[in-house]
Amino acid sequence: MRGGQEIVFGQSANQVSHAFRHTDRLGLDRAEVTDAIVSDLRSYLPLPVPPPRDFTFIGKVAVRGVELLYRAYPLSEELVNVGRITGP
């Protein structure tokens, strides 16, 4: 954790499944995807709370040569949720 915000990929099984549904279809390992996103996102923390109007942080990482876009949303000063992760 950096900047006081923990990075999560959903707070329920359904939300976790939603976050990883595209990368699962691509056959990517969730742990590798998580590590890549956390490593990238940490350098941008803390994300602003409350977020500016219509704020969505969009980051880009590569896992096993596959470029992925992810969206992160600050939920509080303590928590950032990574929602949708998409590939090519």
N, C-alpha and C. Protein backbone atom coordinates (compact mmCIF):
# COMPACT_ATOMS: atom_id res chain seq x y z
N MET A 1 0.85 -1.18 0.00
CA MET A 1 0.00 0.00 0.00
C MET A 1 0.89 1.23 0.00
N ARG A 2 0.53 2.19 -0.81
CA ARG A 2 1.26 3.45 -0.87
C ARG A 2 0.23 4.56 -0.97
N GLY A 3 0.54 5.70 -0.39
CA GLY A 3 -0.40 6.80 -0.46
C GLY A 3 -1.63 6.55 0.37
N GLY A 4 -1.58 5.55 1.25
CA GLY A 4 -2.70 5.26 2.13
C GLY A 4 -3.84 4.52 1.47
N GLN A 5 -3.72 4.13 0.22
CA GLN A 5 -4.82 3.44 -0.46
C GLN A 5 -4.41 2.01 -0.80
N GLU A 6 -5.26 1.09 -0.38
CA GLU A 6 -5.09 -0.32 -0.74
C GLU A 6 -5.75 -0.54 -2.11
N ILE A 7 -5.14 -1.37 -2.93
CA ILE A 7 -5.68 -1.68 -4.26
C ILE A 7 -6.41 -3.01 -4.18
N VAL A 8 -7.68 -3.01 -4.58
CA VAL A 8 -8.48 -4.23 -4.61
C VAL A 8 -9.06 -4.41 -6.00
N PHE A 9 -9.48 -5.64 -6.28
CA PHE A 9 -10.07 -5.98 -7.58
C PHE A 9 -11.50 -6.46 -7.35
N GLY A 10 -12.27 -5.66 -6.66
CA GLY A 10 -13.63 -6.01 -6.30
C GLY A 10 -13.70 -6.37 -4.83
N GLN A 11 -14.90 -6.30 -4.30
CA GLN A 11 -15.11 -6.59 -2.89
C GLN A 11 -16.06 -7.75 -2.68
N SER A 12 -16.41 -8.42 -3.76
CA SER A 12 -17.25 -9.62 -3.68
C SER A 12 -16.82 -10.54 -4.81
N ALA A 13 -17.22 -11.80 -4.73
CA ALA A 13 -16.85 -12.76 -5.79
C ALA A 13 -17.35 -12.30 -7.15
N ASN A 14 -18.55 -11.73 -7.20
CA ASN A 14 -19.11 -11.27 -8.46
C ASN A 14 -18.27 -10.11 -9.03
N GLN A 15 -17.85 -9.19 -8.19
CA GLN A 15 -17.05 -8.06 -8.65
C GLN A 15 -15.67 -8.52 -9.13
N VAL A 16 -15.08 -9.48 -8.44
CA VAL A 16 -13.78 -10.02 -8.86
C VAL A 16 -13.92 -10.69 -10.22
N SER A 17 -14.97 -11.49 -10.37
CA SER A 17 -15.22 -12.16 -11.64
C SER A 17 -15.41 -11.14 -12.76
N HIS A 18 -16.14 -10.08 -12.47
CA HIS A 18 -16.38 -9.02 -13.46
C HIS A 18 -15.06 -8.36 -13.87
N ALA A 19 -14.19 -8.09 -12.91
CA ALA A 19 -12.92 -7.42 -13.21
C ALA A 19 -12.04 -8.27 -14.13
N PHE A 20 -12.02 -9.59 -13.91
CA PHE A 20 -11.10 -10.46 -14.63
C PHE A 20 -11.73 -11.21 -15.81
N ARG A 21 -12.97 -10.96 -16.12
CA ARG A 21 -13.65 -11.78 -17.14
C ARG A 21 -12.95 -11.74 -18.50
N HIS A 22 -12.45 -10.59 -18.90
CA HIS A 22 -11.78 -10.49 -20.21
C HIS A 22 -10.41 -11.17 -20.19
N THR A 23 -9.66 -10.99 -19.09
CA THR A 23 -8.34 -11.61 -19.02
C THR A 23 -8.45 -13.12 -18.86
N ASP A 24 -9.51 -13.58 -18.19
CA ASP A 24 -9.74 -15.03 -18.10
C ASP A 24 -9.96 -15.61 -19.49
N ARG A 25 -10.74 -14.93 -20.30
CA ARG A 25 -11.00 -15.41 -21.67
C ARG A 25 -9.73 -15.43 -22.52
N LEU A 26 -8.79 -14.53 -22.19
CA LEU A 26 -7.51 -14.50 -22.90
C LEU A 26 -6.54 -15.56 -22.38
N GLY A 27 -6.93 -16.26 -21.31
CA GLY A 27 -6.08 -17.30 -20.74
C GLY A 27 -4.93 -16.76 -19.89
N LEU A 28 -5.05 -15.52 -19.43
CA LEU A 28 -3.99 -14.93 -18.61
C LEU A 28 -4.20 -15.29 -17.14
N ASP A 29 -3.10 -15.48 -16.45
CA ASP A 29 -3.12 -15.82 -15.03
C ASP A 29 -3.51 -14.59 -14.22
N ARG A 30 -4.48 -14.74 -13.33
CA ARG A 30 -4.96 -13.60 -12.55
C ARG A 30 -3.86 -13.00 -11.67
N ALA A 31 -3.00 -13.86 -11.13
CA ALA A 31 -1.91 -13.36 -10.27
C ALA A 31 -0.95 -12.49 -11.08
N GLU A 32 -0.64 -12.89 -12.29
CA GLU A 32 0.26 -12.09 -13.14
C GLU A 32 -0.40 -10.76 -13.51
N VAL A 33 -1.68 -10.80 -13.83
CA VAL A 33 -2.41 -9.58 -14.18
C VAL A 33 -2.44 -8.65 -12.96
N THR A 34 -2.76 -9.20 -11.81
CA THR A 34 -2.81 -8.41 -10.58
C THR A 34 -1.47 -7.76 -10.29
N ASP A 35 -0.40 -8.54 -10.36
CA ASP A 35 0.94 -8.01 -10.08
C ASP A 35 1.30 -6.86 -11.02
N ALA A 36 1.00 -7.02 -12.30
CA ALA A 36 1.32 -5.99 -13.28
C ALA A 36 0.54 -4.70 -13.00
N ILE A 37 -0.73 -4.85 -12.72
CA ILE A 37 -1.57 -3.67 -12.47
C ILE A 37 -1.18 -2.99 -11.17
N VAL A 38 -0.98 -3.75 -10.11
CA VAL A 38 -0.59 -3.15 -8.83
C VAL A 38 0.74 -2.41 -8.96
N SER A 39 1.70 -3.03 -9.65
CA SER A 39 3.00 -2.37 -9.85
C SER A 39 2.85 -1.05 -10.59
N ASP A 40 2.00 -1.03 -11.60
CA ASP A 40 1.79 0.19 -12.38
C ASP A 40 1.01 1.23 -11.58
N LEU A 41 -0.07 0.83 -10.97
CA LEU A 41 -0.98 1.75 -10.30
C LEU A 41 -0.36 2.39 -9.06
N ARG A 42 0.50 1.67 -8.36
CA ARG A 42 1.12 2.21 -7.13
C ARG A 42 1.76 3.57 -7.35
N SER A 43 2.38 3.76 -8.50
CA SER A 43 3.09 5.02 -8.74
C SER A 43 2.14 6.22 -8.91
N TYR A 44 0.86 5.95 -9.08
CA TYR A 44 -0.13 7.03 -9.26
C TYR A 44 -0.91 7.33 -7.98
N LEU A 45 -0.69 6.54 -6.94
CA LEU A 45 -1.43 6.74 -5.70
C LEU A 45 -0.86 7.88 -4.89
N PRO A 46 -1.65 8.58 -4.14
CA PRO A 46 -3.07 8.35 -3.95
C PRO A 46 -3.90 8.98 -5.07
N LEU A 47 -4.97 8.30 -5.43
CA LEU A 47 -5.94 8.87 -6.37
C LEU A 47 -6.83 9.82 -5.57
N PRO A 48 -7.30 10.89 -6.20
CA PRO A 48 -8.04 11.92 -5.47
C PRO A 48 -9.39 11.46 -4.94
N VAL A 49 -9.66 11.84 -3.68
CA VAL A 49 -10.93 11.54 -3.03
C VAL A 49 -11.44 12.82 -2.42
N PRO A 50 -12.66 13.23 -2.71
CA PRO A 50 -13.54 12.62 -3.70
C PRO A 50 -12.99 12.86 -5.10
N PRO A 51 -13.27 11.92 -6.00
CA PRO A 51 -12.75 12.07 -7.36
C PRO A 51 -13.42 13.24 -8.08
N PRO A 52 -12.66 13.90 -8.96
CA PRO A 52 -13.28 14.94 -9.79
C PRO A 52 -14.43 14.34 -10.60
N ARG A 53 -15.29 15.17 -11.05
CA ARG A 53 -16.47 14.73 -11.80
C ARG A 53 -16.09 13.80 -12.95
N ASP A 54 -16.78 12.67 -13.04
CA ASP A 54 -16.58 11.68 -14.09
C ASP A 54 -15.15 11.14 -14.15
N PHE A 55 -14.45 11.14 -13.02
CA PHE A 55 -13.06 10.70 -12.98
C PHE A 55 -12.96 9.19 -13.08
N THR A 56 -12.16 8.72 -13.99
CA THR A 56 -11.78 7.31 -14.10
C THR A 56 -10.31 7.28 -14.44
N PHE A 57 -9.53 6.58 -13.63
CA PHE A 57 -8.13 6.42 -13.94
C PHE A 57 -8.01 5.24 -14.90
N ILE A 58 -7.37 5.42 -16.04
CA ILE A 58 -7.16 4.34 -17.00
C ILE A 58 -5.66 4.12 -17.14
N GLY A 59 -5.24 2.90 -16.85
CA GLY A 59 -3.85 2.54 -16.96
C GLY A 59 -3.63 1.47 -18.01
N LYS A 60 -2.37 1.27 -18.37
CA LYS A 60 -2.03 0.30 -19.41
C LYS A 60 -0.85 -0.53 -18.93
N VAL A 61 -0.97 -1.85 -19.07
CA VAL A 61 0.11 -2.78 -18.73
C VAL A 61 0.17 -3.86 -19.81
N ALA A 62 1.27 -4.60 -19.80
CA ALA A 62 1.39 -5.75 -20.70
C ALA A 62 1.67 -6.98 -19.85
N VAL A 63 0.96 -8.05 -20.14
CA VAL A 63 1.15 -9.34 -19.47
C VAL A 63 1.35 -10.39 -20.55
N ARG A 64 2.51 -11.02 -20.53
CA ARG A 64 2.84 -12.04 -21.53
C ARG A 64 2.65 -11.51 -22.96
N GLY A 65 3.02 -10.27 -23.16
CA GLY A 65 2.94 -9.66 -24.48
C GLY A 65 1.55 -9.17 -24.87
N VAL A 66 0.59 -9.30 -23.97
CA VAL A 66 -0.78 -8.85 -24.25
C VAL A 66 -1.00 -7.51 -23.56
N GLU A 67 -1.33 -6.49 -24.34
CA GLU A 67 -1.59 -5.17 -23.78
C GLU A 67 -2.98 -5.13 -23.15
N LEU A 68 -3.03 -4.65 -21.92
CA LEU A 68 -4.29 -4.56 -21.19
C LEU A 68 -4.54 -3.13 -20.73
N LEU A 69 -5.79 -2.73 -20.76
CA LEU A 69 -6.21 -1.46 -20.18
C LEU A 69 -7.01 -1.79 -18.92
N TYR A 70 -6.79 -1.01 -17.87
CA TYR A 70 -7.57 -1.22 -16.65
C TYR A 70 -8.11 0.12 -16.17
N ARG A 71 -9.20 0.04 -15.45
CA ARG A 71 -9.83 1.24 -14.90
C ARG A 71 -9.82 1.13 -13.39
N ALA A 72 -9.38 2.20 -12.74
CA ALA A 72 -9.31 2.23 -11.28
C ALA A 72 -10.13 3.39 -10.75
N TYR A 73 -10.82 3.13 -9.65
CA TYR A 73 -11.71 4.12 -9.07
C TYR A 73 -11.39 4.30 -7.58
N PRO A 74 -11.11 5.51 -7.13
CA PRO A 74 -10.88 5.72 -5.71
C PRO A 74 -12.22 5.64 -4.96
N LEU A 75 -12.31 4.71 -4.03
CA LEU A 75 -13.53 4.57 -3.24
C LEU A 75 -13.46 5.38 -1.96
N SER A 76 -12.23 5.54 -1.45
CA SER A 76 -12.00 6.31 -0.23
C SER A 76 -10.52 6.65 -0.17
N GLU A 77 -10.12 7.31 0.90
CA GLU A 77 -8.71 7.61 1.07
C GLU A 77 -7.91 6.34 1.38
N GLU A 78 -8.61 5.25 1.69
CA GLU A 78 -7.97 3.99 2.02
C GLU A 78 -8.07 2.93 0.94
N LEU A 79 -8.94 3.13 -0.05
CA LEU A 79 -9.25 2.04 -0.98
C LEU A 79 -9.42 2.52 -2.41
N VAL A 80 -8.76 1.77 -3.33
CA VAL A 80 -8.92 1.98 -4.77
C VAL A 80 -9.36 0.65 -5.36
N ASN A 81 -10.41 0.68 -6.15
CA ASN A 81 -10.92 -0.53 -6.79
C ASN A 81 -10.54 -0.54 -8.26
N VAL A 82 -9.95 -1.66 -8.69
CA VAL A 82 -9.71 -1.87 -10.11
C VAL A 82 -10.92 -2.62 -10.63
N GLY A 83 -11.60 -2.01 -11.57
CA GLY A 83 -12.81 -2.60 -12.11
C GLY A 83 -12.53 -3.36 -13.39
N ARG A 84 -12.90 -2.80 -14.46
CA ARG A 84 -12.81 -3.45 -15.75
C ARG A 84 -11.36 -3.52 -16.25
N ILE A 85 -10.96 -4.72 -16.67
CA ILE A 85 -9.65 -4.94 -17.28
C ILE A 85 -9.93 -5.53 -18.66
N THR A 86 -9.45 -4.88 -19.71
CA THR A 86 -9.73 -5.34 -21.06
C THR A 86 -8.46 -5.54 -21.86
N GLY A 87 -8.55 -6.42 -22.83
CA GLY A 87 -7.43 -6.69 -23.70
C GLY A 87 -7.72 -6.23 -25.11
N PRO A 88 -7.00 -6.82 -26.05
CA PRO A 88 -7.15 -6.41 -27.46
C PRO A 88 -8.51 -6.76 -28.02
